[in-house]
């Protein structure tokens, strides 16, 4: 029997990487990740190599069933140089979490986007719908736009085995969110990227693009941007029950603003203005249940005796979750060293 393996990787485009994929057909595939061979692609076509030495390697790192194709799997890969070292575009290779002590829950916001007309569904030609407010967690044809696409994507994620934990309509018309949780930074990044891939591919059926820009409707308009709020914890946060653990971590994040903002997504300055439930990009704050802070301490963390997680709200919708996780791990480890 022949099996289709869809190898998925991140290209070298800047400032925001794009997803790429191609299909390998295998006879008598064993059905395990270790049965996926290394593969090669033309890096000169993806901003990852020069034409005179264009071979880049694809190393399979995570695999789930492809819910839309017969006898098929989705294979997330890392890009390596021809000598087997990590390519400079490989954010996954920067993660220092070999024991999977860190857990991550990413809240991925995005806009559905009518590419032909340059606007989200629900936006009339040349204008705007009513002001935001009724669209968040909404129902009804005059408030919730694009639900069939979003519901299909949810079903595909569940069928593939991705640990998607929910969806909801967001604050702006045509804006939605899904949530992914995983134990281990690499696994969390793998699942976000595969969920993004499935969303992009589902959008093809509906002639609808997915807009990952953090402020696609413009910085100065009264419409929310899109983030990818990063909820995270390690063993000390989950088990110690010490307020000072959380204070030390938050204070160290405040000392390393540039480390985080540099990998929290392109054009994030348009979103992090201090308005629309954000802190300004050049400032740092934290607080219990404060959605206008850089880092929110969930009220449940305090209520549970200072055991739980933190939420970095600065991460933009187009950020690479691998690079986000790597920065969070580094700053957290430094704080508790």
Protein backbone atom coordinates (compact mmCIF):
# COMPACT_ATOMS: atom_id res chain seq x y z
CA UNK A 1 0.00 0.00 0.00
CA UNK A 2 1.20 3.49 -0.81
CA UNK A 3 1.22 6.22 1.85
CA UNK A 4 1.37 9.98 1.37
CA UNK A 5 3.72 11.88 3.69
CA UNK A 6 3.28 15.66 3.67
CA UNK A 7 6.63 17.14 4.76
CA UNK A 8 6.05 20.60 6.28
CA UNK A 9 8.71 23.19 7.06
CA UNK A 10 9.35 26.89 7.65
CA UNK A 11 11.06 28.87 4.93
CA UNK A 12 13.62 31.66 5.22
CA UNK A 13 11.41 34.64 4.40
CA UNK A 14 11.83 37.70 6.62
CA UNK A 15 10.50 39.22 8.75
CA UNK A 16 7.86 36.46 8.92
CA UNK A 17 8.49 32.88 7.84
CA UNK A 18 5.96 31.07 5.66
CA UNK A 19 4.87 27.44 5.73
CA UNK A 20 6.01 25.18 2.88
CA UNK A 21 5.20 21.55 2.14
CA UNK A 22 5.58 18.79 -0.39
CA UNK A 23 4.38 15.21 -0.66
CA UNK A 24 6.44 12.03 -0.56
CA UNK A 25 4.78 8.74 -1.58
CA UNK A 26 6.14 5.65 0.18
CA UNK A 27 5.50 1.93 -0.27
CA UNK A 28 4.86 -0.15 2.85
CA UNK A 29 5.28 2.76 5.25
CA UNK A 30 5.67 1.57 8.84
CA UNK A 31 3.49 4.29 10.36
CA UNK A 32 6.05 5.68 12.83
CA UNK A 33 8.08 8.89 12.87
CA UNK A 34 11.32 6.93 12.65
CA UNK A 35 10.07 5.43 9.38
CA UNK A 36 10.10 8.91 7.78
CA UNK A 37 13.40 9.40 5.92
CA UNK A 38 15.38 12.61 5.70
CA UNK A 39 14.49 14.54 2.57
CA UNK A 40 15.99 17.35 0.47
CA UNK A 41 14.52 20.52 -1.00
CA UNK A 42 15.71 23.46 -3.07
CA UNK A 43 16.61 26.12 -0.53
CA UNK A 44 17.28 28.69 -3.25
CA UNK A 45 13.50 28.84 -3.86
CA UNK A 46 12.68 29.50 -0.19
CA UNK A 47 15.31 32.12 0.78
CA UNK A 48 17.35 29.43 2.56
CA UNK A 49 20.27 28.81 0.19
CA UNK A 50 22.12 30.11 -2.86
CA UNK A 51 21.50 28.57 -6.26
CA UNK A 52 25.02 27.22 -6.55
CA UNK A 53 24.65 25.16 -3.37
CA UNK A 54 20.93 24.90 -2.86
CA UNK A 55 20.29 21.58 -1.10
CA UNK A 56 18.73 21.82 2.37
CA UNK A 57 17.66 18.87 4.49
CA UNK A 58 14.28 18.13 6.08
CA UNK A 59 14.52 16.24 9.36
CA UNK A 60 11.17 14.75 10.50
CA UNK A 61 10.44 15.67 14.13
CA UNK A 62 6.69 15.13 14.68
CA UNK A 63 3.94 13.29 12.81
CA UNK A 64 0.14 13.07 12.96
CA UNK A 65 -2.44 11.48 10.66
CA UNK A 66 -3.61 13.71 7.82
CA UNK A 67 -7.39 13.81 8.34
CA UNK A 68 -8.19 14.97 4.80
CA UNK A 69 -6.22 12.52 2.65
CA UNK A 70 -6.36 8.76 2.39
CA UNK A 71 -3.39 6.81 3.73
CA UNK A 72 -1.60 10.02 4.66
CA UNK A 73 0.33 11.77 7.44
CA UNK A 74 1.44 15.31 8.21
CA UNK A 75 5.16 15.39 9.01
CA UNK A 76 6.58 18.45 10.76
CA UNK A 77 10.26 18.87 9.97
CA UNK A 78 13.29 20.94 10.93
CA UNK A 79 15.45 22.52 8.24
CA UNK A 80 19.13 21.51 8.35
CA UNK A 81 22.09 22.61 6.29
CA UNK A 82 23.60 20.08 3.91
CA UNK A 83 26.15 19.12 6.60
CA UNK A 84 23.39 18.27 9.09
CA UNK A 85 23.71 21.36 11.30
CA UNK A 86 20.59 23.43 12.07
CA UNK A 87 19.81 26.05 9.44
CA UNK A 88 19.76 29.65 10.69
CA UNK A 89 16.00 29.72 10.06
CA UNK A 90 15.47 26.74 12.39
CA UNK A 91 13.87 28.17 15.53
CA UNK A 92 13.10 24.74 16.96
CA UNK A 93 16.79 24.01 17.37
CA UNK A 94 17.17 26.96 19.76
CA UNK A 95 14.91 25.46 22.45
CA UNK A 96 16.67 24.35 25.65
CA UNK A 97 14.07 22.07 27.24
CA UNK A 98 15.26 18.49 26.81
CA UNK A 99 13.28 17.18 29.79
CA UNK A 100 10.00 18.84 28.74
CA UNK A 101 9.66 20.49 32.14
CA UNK A 102 8.00 23.51 30.55
CA UNK A 103 4.35 23.36 29.55
CA UNK A 104 2.87 25.81 27.05
CA UNK A 105 -0.63 26.84 26.09
CA UNK A 106 -0.78 29.14 23.07
CA UNK A 107 -3.91 31.20 22.29
CA UNK A 108 -3.64 31.70 18.54
CA UNK A 109 -5.67 34.62 17.18
CA UNK A 110 -6.06 35.34 13.46
CA UNK A 111 -8.27 37.07 10.92
CA UNK A 112 -10.06 35.32 8.11
CA UNK A 113 -9.35 37.39 5.01
CA UNK A 114 -11.06 37.76 1.67
CA UNK A 115 -7.89 38.05 -0.40
CA UNK A 116 -9.74 39.22 -3.52
CA UNK A 117 -11.29 42.20 -1.75
CA UNK A 118 -8.66 42.83 0.94
CA UNK A 119 -10.88 42.66 4.00
CA UNK A 120 -12.23 40.23 6.60
CA UNK A 121 -15.66 38.65 6.17
CA UNK A 122 -18.29 40.89 7.69
CA UNK A 123 -16.63 44.08 6.43
CA UNK A 124 -18.72 45.81 3.74
CA UNK A 125 -17.02 47.11 0.55
CA UNK A 126 -15.15 50.33 1.25
CA UNK A 127 -16.24 50.54 4.87
CA UNK A 128 -16.56 48.96 8.28
CA UNK A 129 -19.19 47.03 10.19
CA UNK A 130 -20.57 48.28 13.49
CA UNK A 131 -17.96 48.88 16.20
CA UNK A 132 -16.43 45.94 18.00
CA UNK A 133 -18.18 44.60 21.06
CA UNK A 134 -20.87 42.18 19.83
CA UNK A 135 -18.48 39.93 17.89
CA UNK A 136 -16.57 38.33 20.78
CA UNK A 137 -17.84 34.77 21.39
CA UNK A 138 -20.80 35.72 19.21
CA UNK A 139 -23.48 33.74 17.41
CA UNK A 140 -25.65 34.84 14.51
CA UNK A 141 -25.14 35.78 10.87
CA UNK A 142 -24.81 39.50 11.66
CA UNK A 143 -22.01 38.94 14.19
CA UNK A 144 -20.15 35.65 13.59
CA UNK A 145 -18.48 35.42 10.19
CA UNK A 146 -16.73 32.39 8.71
CA UNK A 147 -17.92 29.78 11.19
CA UNK A 148 -18.09 26.86 8.67
CA UNK A 149 -14.36 27.22 7.93
CA UNK A 150 -13.48 27.54 11.63
CA UNK A 151 -15.59 24.52 12.63
CA UNK A 152 -14.08 22.39 9.89
CA UNK A 153 -10.59 23.34 11.05
CA UNK A 154 -11.49 22.36 14.63
CA UNK A 155 -12.71 18.95 13.49
CA UNK A 156 -9.56 18.38 11.43
CA UNK A 157 -7.30 19.22 14.37
CA UNK A 158 -9.21 16.81 16.62
CA UNK A 159 -9.16 14.04 14.01
CA UNK A 160 -5.42 14.46 13.51
CA UNK A 161 -4.73 14.09 17.22
CA UNK A 162 -3.53 17.65 17.84
CA UNK A 163 -4.26 18.78 21.39
CA UNK A 164 -6.55 21.65 20.48
CA UNK A 165 -8.47 22.81 23.53
CA UNK A 166 -11.03 25.20 22.09
CA UNK A 167 -12.06 27.93 19.67
CA UNK A 168 -13.96 31.19 19.91
CA UNK A 169 -14.91 34.20 17.84
CA UNK A 170 -12.72 37.14 18.83
CA UNK A 171 -13.28 40.85 19.49
CA UNK A 172 -13.22 42.05 15.87
CA UNK A 173 -15.52 40.93 13.08
CA UNK A 174 -13.96 38.05 11.13
CA UNK A 175 -11.39 37.41 13.87
CA UNK A 176 -11.11 34.00 15.56
CA UNK A 177 -8.92 32.07 17.98
CA UNK A 178 -7.90 28.50 18.70
CA UNK A 179 -5.94 27.19 21.68
CA UNK A 180 -3.25 24.49 21.75
CA UNK A 181 -1.70 22.99 24.90
CA UNK A 182 1.31 20.68 25.12
CA UNK A 183 3.83 19.45 27.64
CA UNK A 184 7.21 20.35 26.20
CA UNK A 185 8.17 23.45 24.22
CA UNK A 186 9.06 21.62 21.03
CA UNK A 187 5.82 19.66 21.04
CA UNK A 188 3.81 22.85 21.61
CA UNK A 189 5.55 24.55 18.68
CA UNK A 190 5.06 21.51 16.46
CA UNK A 191 1.34 21.45 17.20
CA UNK A 192 0.82 25.18 16.63
CA UNK A 193 2.56 24.99 13.26
CA UNK A 194 0.59 21.92 12.18
CA UNK A 195 -2.66 23.58 13.30
CA UNK A 196 -1.70 26.69 11.32
CA UNK A 197 -0.97 24.49 8.31
CA UNK A 198 -4.39 22.82 8.53
CA UNK A 199 -6.06 26.23 8.86
CA UNK A 200 -4.28 27.58 5.78
CA UNK A 201 -5.19 24.49 3.78
CA UNK A 202 -8.81 24.58 4.92
CA UNK A 203 -9.00 28.23 3.87
CA UNK A 204 -8.17 27.17 0.31
CA UNK A 205 -11.55 25.40 0.07
CA UNK A 206 -13.40 28.57 1.02
CA UNK A 207 -11.25 30.95 -1.06
CA UNK A 208 -10.32 32.55 2.24
CA UNK A 209 -6.79 33.50 3.26
CA UNK A 210 -5.56 33.51 6.86
CA UNK A 211 -4.14 36.85 7.96
CA UNK A 212 -1.54 36.44 10.72
CA UNK A 213 -0.55 40.12 10.83
CA UNK A 214 -0.84 41.47 14.41
CA UNK A 215 -2.69 44.61 13.29
CA UNK A 216 -4.10 44.04 9.79
CA UNK A 217 -6.77 46.74 10.07
CA UNK A 218 -4.25 49.46 10.87
CA UNK A 219 -2.59 50.77 14.01
CA UNK A 220 -4.80 53.81 14.46
CA UNK A 221 -8.22 52.23 13.94
CA UNK A 222 -10.35 51.14 16.88
CA UNK A 223 -10.08 47.42 16.16
CA UNK A 224 -8.22 44.85 18.21
CA UNK A 225 -5.06 43.26 16.88
CA UNK A 226 -4.19 39.58 16.91
CA UNK A 227 -1.91 37.96 19.46
CA UNK A 228 -0.70 34.51 20.38
CA UNK A 229 -0.82 34.76 24.16
CA UNK A 230 1.79 32.42 25.63
CA UNK A 231 0.74 30.61 28.81
CA UNK A 232 3.64 28.79 30.42
CA UNK A 233 4.79 27.00 33.56
CA UNK A 234 7.63 24.88 34.85
CA UNK A 235 7.80 22.48 37.80
CA UNK A 236 8.55 25.18 40.38
CA UNK A 237 5.58 27.25 39.22
CA UNK A 238 3.22 24.27 39.24
CA UNK A 239 4.30 22.72 42.54
CA UNK A 240 6.19 25.04 44.91
CA UNK A 241 3.37 27.35 45.96
CA UNK A 242 5.57 30.41 46.48
CA UNK A 243 4.54 33.90 45.38
CA UNK A 244 8.20 34.90 45.17
CA UNK A 245 8.79 32.36 42.39
CA UNK A 246 6.35 34.26 40.20
CA UNK A 247 7.63 37.68 41.25
CA UNK A 248 11.23 36.71 40.40
CA UNK A 249 10.18 35.44 36.98
CA UNK A 250 8.13 38.53 36.17
CA UNK A 251 10.88 40.87 37.33
CA UNK A 252 13.43 39.07 35.13
CA UNK A 253 11.13 39.35 32.13
CA UNK A 254 11.08 43.09 32.78
CA UNK A 255 14.87 43.15 32.58
CA UNK A 256 14.89 41.39 29.20
CA UNK A 257 12.31 43.24 27.12
CA UNK A 258 14.37 43.25 23.90
CA UNK A 259 15.12 39.51 24.11
CA UNK A 260 11.41 38.82 23.98
CA UNK A 261 10.14 41.56 21.68
CA UNK A 262 12.79 40.61 19.10
CA UNK A 263 11.12 37.20 18.62
CA UNK A 264 7.51 38.04 19.49
CA UNK A 265 6.57 38.82 15.89
CA UNK A 266 7.07 41.41 13.16
CA UNK A 267 5.01 44.64 13.21
CA UNK A 268 4.11 44.03 16.84
CA UNK A 269 4.69 47.72 17.55
CA UNK A 270 1.42 48.35 15.69
CA UNK A 271 -0.42 46.12 18.18
CA UNK A 272 1.38 46.81 21.47
CA UNK A 273 0.27 50.42 21.90
CA UNK A 274 -1.14 50.35 25.43
CA UNK A 275 -4.68 50.19 24.00
CA UNK A 276 -6.98 47.27 23.20
CA UNK A 277 -5.87 45.10 26.12
CA UNK A 278 -2.13 45.57 25.53
CA UNK A 279 0.82 47.18 27.28
CA UNK A 280 3.03 49.52 25.22
CA UNK A 281 5.87 47.72 23.45
CA UNK A 282 8.60 49.70 25.25
CA UNK A 283 7.10 49.25 28.72
CA UNK A 284 6.73 46.28 31.03
CA UNK A 285 4.20 45.50 33.72
CA UNK A 286 2.62 42.51 35.42
CA UNK A 287 -0.38 41.99 37.64
CA UNK A 288 -3.03 39.56 38.79
CA UNK A 289 -5.90 39.32 36.29
CA UNK A 290 -4.55 42.37 34.38
CA UNK A 291 -5.14 42.02 30.63
CA UNK A 292 -3.51 45.38 30.04
CA UNK A 293 -0.22 44.15 31.47
CA UNK A 294 2.73 42.62 29.65
CA UNK A 295 2.35 39.51 31.79
CA UNK A 296 -0.93 38.54 33.39
CA UNK A 297 -0.89 36.44 36.55
CA UNK A 298 -4.11 34.43 36.24
CA UNK A 299 -6.38 34.80 39.25
CA UNK A 300 -6.48 30.99 39.42
CA UNK A 301 -2.72 30.89 40.06
CA UNK A 302 -3.11 33.09 43.13
CA UNK A 303 -6.27 31.31 44.27
CA UNK A 304 -4.53 27.93 44.06
CA UNK A 305 -1.86 29.00 46.53
CA UNK A 306 0.54 30.43 43.95
CA UNK A 307 0.65 27.26 41.90
CA UNK A 308 0.04 27.49 38.19
CA UNK A 309 1.08 29.52 35.17
CA UNK A 310 1.82 32.94 33.76
CA UNK A 311 0.52 34.48 30.53
CA UNK A 312 2.81 36.62 28.38
CA UNK A 313 0.34 38.73 26.43
CA UNK A 314 2.88 40.46 24.20
CA UNK A 315 3.35 37.63 21.71
CA UNK A 316 1.87 38.47 18.31
CA UNK A 317 -0.17 36.22 16.07
CA UNK A 318 2.63 35.86 13.49
CA UNK A 319 5.35 34.91 15.99
CA UNK A 320 7.25 31.62 15.73
CA UNK A 321 6.18 29.59 18.79
CA UNK A 322 9.56 27.83 18.82
CA UNK A 323 11.44 31.11 19.24
CA UNK A 324 8.88 32.40 21.73
CA UNK A 325 9.26 29.29 23.88
CA UNK A 326 13.06 29.45 23.71
CA UNK A 327 13.09 33.03 25.03
CA UNK A 328 10.58 32.25 27.79
CA UNK A 329 12.57 29.23 28.93
CA UNK A 330 15.83 31.18 29.02
CA UNK A 331 14.43 34.09 31.04
CA UNK A 332 12.56 31.81 33.45
CA UNK A 333 15.60 29.63 34.11
CA UNK A 334 17.77 32.71 34.74
CA UNK A 335 15.23 34.06 37.22
CA UNK A 336 15.25 30.87 39.28
CA UNK A 337 18.96 30.03 38.99
